[in-house]
Amino acid sequence: MAAVPATGTVTLVCEAVYLPARATWVRTVRVTYDQRRIREVVIDGQPVYSFAVRDTQIFTALDNERIQVDVAAQSWSSDFRGLSTAQGRCERS
């Protein structure tokens, strides 16, 4: 019987400032991983259906918002249908 790889979870709380409205939203990103890959990404309690990983960045979309989270730099950036953009810092919780 094969050994089950150890898993871990990182939760980031991000304060994203949406322009042009200058509204600040707190976004929560939970990343579940094992020793080989990221297994699940959950944003604001909602699992995303697909995501791509490049180095330390996770690319995904949720409700027509294209989202990019850099886990190492702990940053958030997103674009909502070209009508609004957001940038912000994240902290581990």
N, C-alpha and C. Protein backbone atom coordinates (compact mmCIF):
# COMPACT_ATOMS: atom_id res chain seq x y z
N MET A 1 0.85 -1.18 0.00
CA MET A 1 0.00 0.00 0.00
C MET A 1 0.89 1.24 0.00
N ALA A 2 0.61 2.19 -0.89
CA ALA A 2 1.41 3.40 -1.03
C ALA A 2 1.13 4.37 0.12
N ALA A 3 2.16 5.05 0.54
CA ALA A 3 2.01 6.03 1.61
C ALA A 3 1.29 7.27 1.08
N VAL A 4 0.43 7.82 1.89
CA VAL A 4 -0.30 9.04 1.53
C VAL A 4 0.61 10.23 1.81
N PRO A 5 0.83 11.11 0.81
CA PRO A 5 1.71 12.24 1.05
C PRO A 5 1.13 13.19 2.10
N ALA A 6 2.02 13.78 2.88
CA ALA A 6 1.59 14.75 3.89
C ALA A 6 1.02 15.98 3.20
N THR A 7 -0.05 16.53 3.76
CA THR A 7 -0.66 17.72 3.19
C THR A 7 -0.54 18.87 4.17
N GLY A 8 -0.72 20.05 3.64
CA GLY A 8 -0.68 21.25 4.46
C GLY A 8 -1.65 22.28 3.90
N THR A 9 -1.88 23.31 4.67
CA THR A 9 -2.78 24.38 4.25
C THR A 9 -2.17 25.72 4.62
N VAL A 10 -2.26 26.66 3.70
CA VAL A 10 -1.85 28.04 3.94
C VAL A 10 -3.08 28.90 3.71
N THR A 11 -3.37 29.77 4.66
CA THR A 11 -4.48 30.71 4.52
C THR A 11 -3.93 32.12 4.48
N LEU A 12 -4.28 32.86 3.43
CA LEU A 12 -3.88 34.25 3.29
C LEU A 12 -5.11 35.14 3.39
N VAL A 13 -4.99 36.21 4.14
CA VAL A 13 -6.03 37.23 4.21
C VAL A 13 -5.50 38.44 3.46
N CYS A 14 -6.21 38.80 2.39
CA CYS A 14 -5.73 39.86 1.49
C CYS A 14 -6.66 41.07 1.57
N GLU A 15 -6.07 42.25 1.64
CA GLU A 15 -6.82 43.49 1.57
C GLU A 15 -6.63 44.06 0.18
N ALA A 16 -7.63 43.89 -0.67
CA ALA A 16 -7.55 44.32 -2.06
C ALA A 16 -8.28 45.63 -2.23
N VAL A 17 -7.63 46.59 -2.85
CA VAL A 17 -8.24 47.88 -3.14
C VAL A 17 -8.71 47.86 -4.59
N TYR A 18 -10.03 48.01 -4.77
CA TYR A 18 -10.63 47.97 -6.10
C TYR A 18 -10.76 49.39 -6.64
N LEU A 19 -10.23 49.57 -7.85
CA LEU A 19 -10.30 50.86 -8.54
C LEU A 19 -11.25 50.74 -9.70
N PRO A 20 -11.99 51.73 -10.09
CA PRO A 20 -11.85 53.12 -9.72
C PRO A 20 -12.61 53.53 -8.45
N ALA A 21 -13.34 52.65 -7.84
CA ALA A 21 -14.17 53.02 -6.69
C ALA A 21 -13.37 53.23 -5.40
N ARG A 22 -12.13 52.76 -5.36
CA ARG A 22 -11.28 52.83 -4.17
C ARG A 22 -11.91 52.11 -2.97
N ALA A 23 -12.62 51.04 -3.26
CA ALA A 23 -13.24 50.22 -2.21
C ALA A 23 -12.26 49.14 -1.79
N THR A 24 -12.15 48.90 -0.49
CA THR A 24 -11.27 47.86 0.02
C THR A 24 -12.11 46.66 0.42
N TRP A 25 -11.75 45.51 -0.12
CA TRP A 25 -12.42 44.25 0.22
C TRP A 25 -11.40 43.33 0.85
N VAL A 26 -11.80 42.63 1.89
CA VAL A 26 -10.95 41.62 2.50
C VAL A 26 -11.27 40.29 1.82
N ARG A 27 -10.27 39.68 1.23
CA ARG A 27 -10.43 38.41 0.52
C ARG A 27 -9.60 37.35 1.22
N THR A 28 -10.16 36.16 1.38
CA THR A 28 -9.46 35.06 2.03
C THR A 28 -9.14 33.99 1.01
N VAL A 29 -7.88 33.57 0.98
CA VAL A 29 -7.42 32.55 0.04
C VAL A 29 -6.84 31.40 0.86
N ARG A 30 -7.40 30.19 0.66
CA ARG A 30 -6.88 29.00 1.33
C ARG A 30 -6.31 28.07 0.28
N VAL A 31 -5.05 27.68 0.46
CA VAL A 31 -4.35 26.81 -0.48
C VAL A 31 -4.01 25.52 0.25
N THR A 32 -4.47 24.40 -0.28
CA THR A 32 -4.16 23.08 0.27
C THR A 32 -3.18 22.41 -0.68
N TYR A 33 -2.13 21.83 -0.13
CA TYR A 33 -1.07 21.26 -0.95
C TYR A 33 -0.53 19.99 -0.32
N ASP A 34 0.18 19.20 -1.13
CA ASP A 34 0.95 18.08 -0.61
C ASP A 34 2.39 18.29 -1.04
N GLN A 35 3.22 17.28 -0.92
CA GLN A 35 4.64 17.45 -1.24
C GLN A 35 4.90 17.63 -2.73
N ARG A 36 3.92 17.32 -3.56
CA ARG A 36 4.14 17.37 -5.00
C ARG A 36 3.42 18.52 -5.70
N ARG A 37 2.25 18.95 -5.18
CA ARG A 37 1.48 19.95 -5.93
C ARG A 37 0.43 20.62 -5.06
N ILE A 38 -0.13 21.70 -5.59
CA ILE A 38 -1.28 22.34 -4.95
C ILE A 38 -2.50 21.52 -5.30
N ARG A 39 -3.28 21.17 -4.29
CA ARG A 39 -4.43 20.30 -4.50
C ARG A 39 -5.74 21.07 -4.60
N GLU A 40 -5.85 22.20 -3.88
CA GLU A 40 -7.13 22.93 -3.87
C GLU A 40 -6.86 24.40 -3.55
N VAL A 41 -7.64 25.27 -4.21
CA VAL A 41 -7.63 26.70 -3.92
C VAL A 41 -9.05 27.11 -3.60
N VAL A 42 -9.23 27.78 -2.47
CA VAL A 42 -10.55 28.23 -2.04
C VAL A 42 -10.46 29.73 -1.80
N ILE A 43 -11.34 30.50 -2.44
CA ILE A 43 -11.36 31.95 -2.27
C ILE A 43 -12.69 32.34 -1.64
N ASP A 44 -12.62 33.03 -0.52
CA ASP A 44 -13.81 33.47 0.22
C ASP A 44 -14.77 32.31 0.49
N GLY A 45 -14.21 31.16 0.81
CA GLY A 45 -15.01 29.99 1.15
C GLY A 45 -15.55 29.22 -0.04
N GLN A 46 -15.26 29.66 -1.25
CA GLN A 46 -15.77 29.00 -2.46
C GLN A 46 -14.61 28.36 -3.23
N PRO A 47 -14.64 27.04 -3.41
CA PRO A 47 -13.56 26.38 -4.18
C PRO A 47 -13.58 26.86 -5.63
N VAL A 48 -12.41 27.10 -6.18
CA VAL A 48 -12.33 27.45 -7.59
C VAL A 48 -12.29 26.15 -8.39
N TYR A 49 -12.80 26.20 -9.62
CA TYR A 49 -12.89 24.99 -10.43
C TYR A 49 -11.57 24.63 -11.09
N SER A 50 -10.79 25.63 -11.44
CA SER A 50 -9.49 25.35 -12.04
C SER A 50 -8.52 26.47 -11.68
N PHE A 51 -7.26 26.14 -11.73
CA PHE A 51 -6.22 27.12 -11.45
C PHE A 51 -4.94 26.66 -12.13
N ALA A 52 -4.04 27.61 -12.36
CA ALA A 52 -2.73 27.33 -12.93
C ALA A 52 -1.68 27.87 -11.97
N VAL A 53 -0.55 27.20 -11.94
CA VAL A 53 0.53 27.60 -11.05
C VAL A 53 1.78 27.86 -11.88
N ARG A 54 2.41 29.00 -11.64
CA ARG A 54 3.69 29.32 -12.28
C ARG A 54 4.59 29.89 -11.19
N ASP A 55 5.63 29.16 -10.88
CA ASP A 55 6.55 29.52 -9.79
C ASP A 55 5.75 29.69 -8.49
N THR A 56 5.67 30.91 -7.97
CA THR A 56 4.96 31.14 -6.70
C THR A 56 3.60 31.79 -6.92
N GLN A 57 3.16 31.88 -8.18
CA GLN A 57 1.90 32.54 -8.49
C GLN A 57 0.80 31.54 -8.82
N ILE A 58 -0.39 31.85 -8.35
CA ILE A 58 -1.58 31.05 -8.65
C ILE A 58 -2.51 31.92 -9.48
N PHE A 59 -2.93 31.40 -10.64
CA PHE A 59 -3.84 32.11 -11.53
C PHE A 59 -5.17 31.36 -11.54
N THR A 60 -6.27 32.09 -11.35
CA THR A 60 -7.59 31.47 -11.36
C THR A 60 -8.63 32.52 -11.69
N ALA A 61 -9.88 32.13 -11.69
CA ALA A 61 -10.99 33.06 -11.92
C ALA A 61 -12.16 32.62 -11.04
N LEU A 62 -12.92 33.62 -10.61
CA LEU A 62 -14.09 33.36 -9.78
C LEU A 62 -15.11 34.44 -10.07
N ASP A 63 -16.30 34.05 -10.51
CA ASP A 63 -17.38 35.00 -10.82
C ASP A 63 -16.91 36.12 -11.75
N ASN A 64 -16.31 35.76 -12.87
CA ASN A 64 -15.83 36.70 -13.89
C ASN A 64 -14.71 37.61 -13.42
N GLU A 65 -14.08 37.28 -12.33
CA GLU A 65 -12.93 38.04 -11.85
C GLU A 65 -11.68 37.18 -12.05
N ARG A 66 -10.75 37.67 -12.85
CA ARG A 66 -9.47 36.97 -13.05
C ARG A 66 -8.56 37.34 -11.89
N ILE A 67 -8.05 36.33 -11.21
CA ILE A 67 -7.32 36.55 -9.96
C ILE A 67 -5.91 35.97 -10.07
N GLN A 68 -4.96 36.72 -9.54
CA GLN A 68 -3.57 36.28 -9.46
C GLN A 68 -3.10 36.50 -8.03
N VAL A 69 -2.67 35.43 -7.38
CA VAL A 69 -2.15 35.50 -6.02
C VAL A 69 -0.71 35.02 -6.04
N ASP A 70 0.19 35.85 -5.52
CA ASP A 70 1.59 35.46 -5.40
C ASP A 70 1.82 35.06 -3.95
N VAL A 71 2.02 33.78 -3.72
CA VAL A 71 2.13 33.26 -2.36
C VAL A 71 3.42 33.72 -1.70
N ALA A 72 4.52 33.79 -2.45
CA ALA A 72 5.80 34.21 -1.87
C ALA A 72 5.81 35.71 -1.57
N ALA A 73 5.35 36.52 -2.51
CA ALA A 73 5.32 37.97 -2.30
C ALA A 73 4.12 38.40 -1.46
N GLN A 74 3.20 37.47 -1.24
CA GLN A 74 1.97 37.71 -0.48
C GLN A 74 1.23 38.93 -1.05
N SER A 75 0.85 38.80 -2.33
CA SER A 75 0.14 39.90 -2.99
C SER A 75 -1.05 39.36 -3.78
N TRP A 76 -2.03 40.23 -3.99
CA TRP A 76 -3.26 39.93 -4.72
C TRP A 76 -3.37 40.93 -5.86
N SER A 77 -3.74 40.46 -7.03
CA SER A 77 -4.14 41.36 -8.11
C SER A 77 -5.26 40.67 -8.88
N SER A 78 -6.20 41.49 -9.36
CA SER A 78 -7.33 40.92 -10.09
C SER A 78 -7.91 41.94 -11.06
N ASP A 79 -8.71 41.42 -11.97
CA ASP A 79 -9.37 42.23 -12.97
C ASP A 79 -10.80 41.71 -13.11
N PHE A 80 -11.77 42.60 -12.97
CA PHE A 80 -13.17 42.20 -13.05
C PHE A 80 -13.74 42.71 -14.36
N ARG A 81 -13.70 41.85 -15.39
CA ARG A 81 -14.26 42.13 -16.72
C ARG A 81 -13.73 43.41 -17.34
N GLY A 82 -12.57 43.86 -16.96
CA GLY A 82 -12.02 45.10 -17.50
C GLY A 82 -12.64 46.35 -16.93
N LEU A 83 -13.63 46.21 -16.05
CA LEU A 83 -14.31 47.36 -15.47
C LEU A 83 -13.67 47.83 -14.19
N SER A 84 -13.02 46.93 -13.48
CA SER A 84 -12.41 47.26 -12.20
C SER A 84 -11.18 46.40 -12.02
N THR A 85 -10.16 46.97 -11.40
CA THR A 85 -8.96 46.21 -11.08
C THR A 85 -8.70 46.32 -9.58
N ALA A 86 -7.94 45.37 -9.07
CA ALA A 86 -7.62 45.39 -7.64
C ALA A 86 -6.18 44.98 -7.44
N GLN A 87 -5.58 45.55 -6.40
CA GLN A 87 -4.25 45.18 -5.98
C GLN A 87 -4.24 45.24 -4.46
N GLY A 88 -3.47 44.36 -3.85
CA GLY A 88 -3.41 44.40 -2.41
C GLY A 88 -2.35 43.49 -1.82
N ARG A 89 -2.19 43.64 -0.52
CA ARG A 89 -1.24 42.84 0.24
C ARG A 89 -1.98 41.71 0.94
N CYS A 90 -1.27 40.64 1.20
CA CYS A 90 -1.83 39.50 1.91
C CYS A 90 -0.97 39.20 3.14
N GLU A 91 -1.59 38.62 4.14
CA GLU A 91 -0.87 38.16 5.32
C GLU A 91 -1.36 36.77 5.65
N ARG A 92 -0.45 35.94 6.17
CA ARG A 92 -0.85 34.61 6.62
C ARG A 92 -1.68 34.75 7.88
N SER A 93 -2.69 33.93 7.96
CA SER A 93 -3.49 33.95 9.20
C SER A 93 -3.35 32.65 9.93
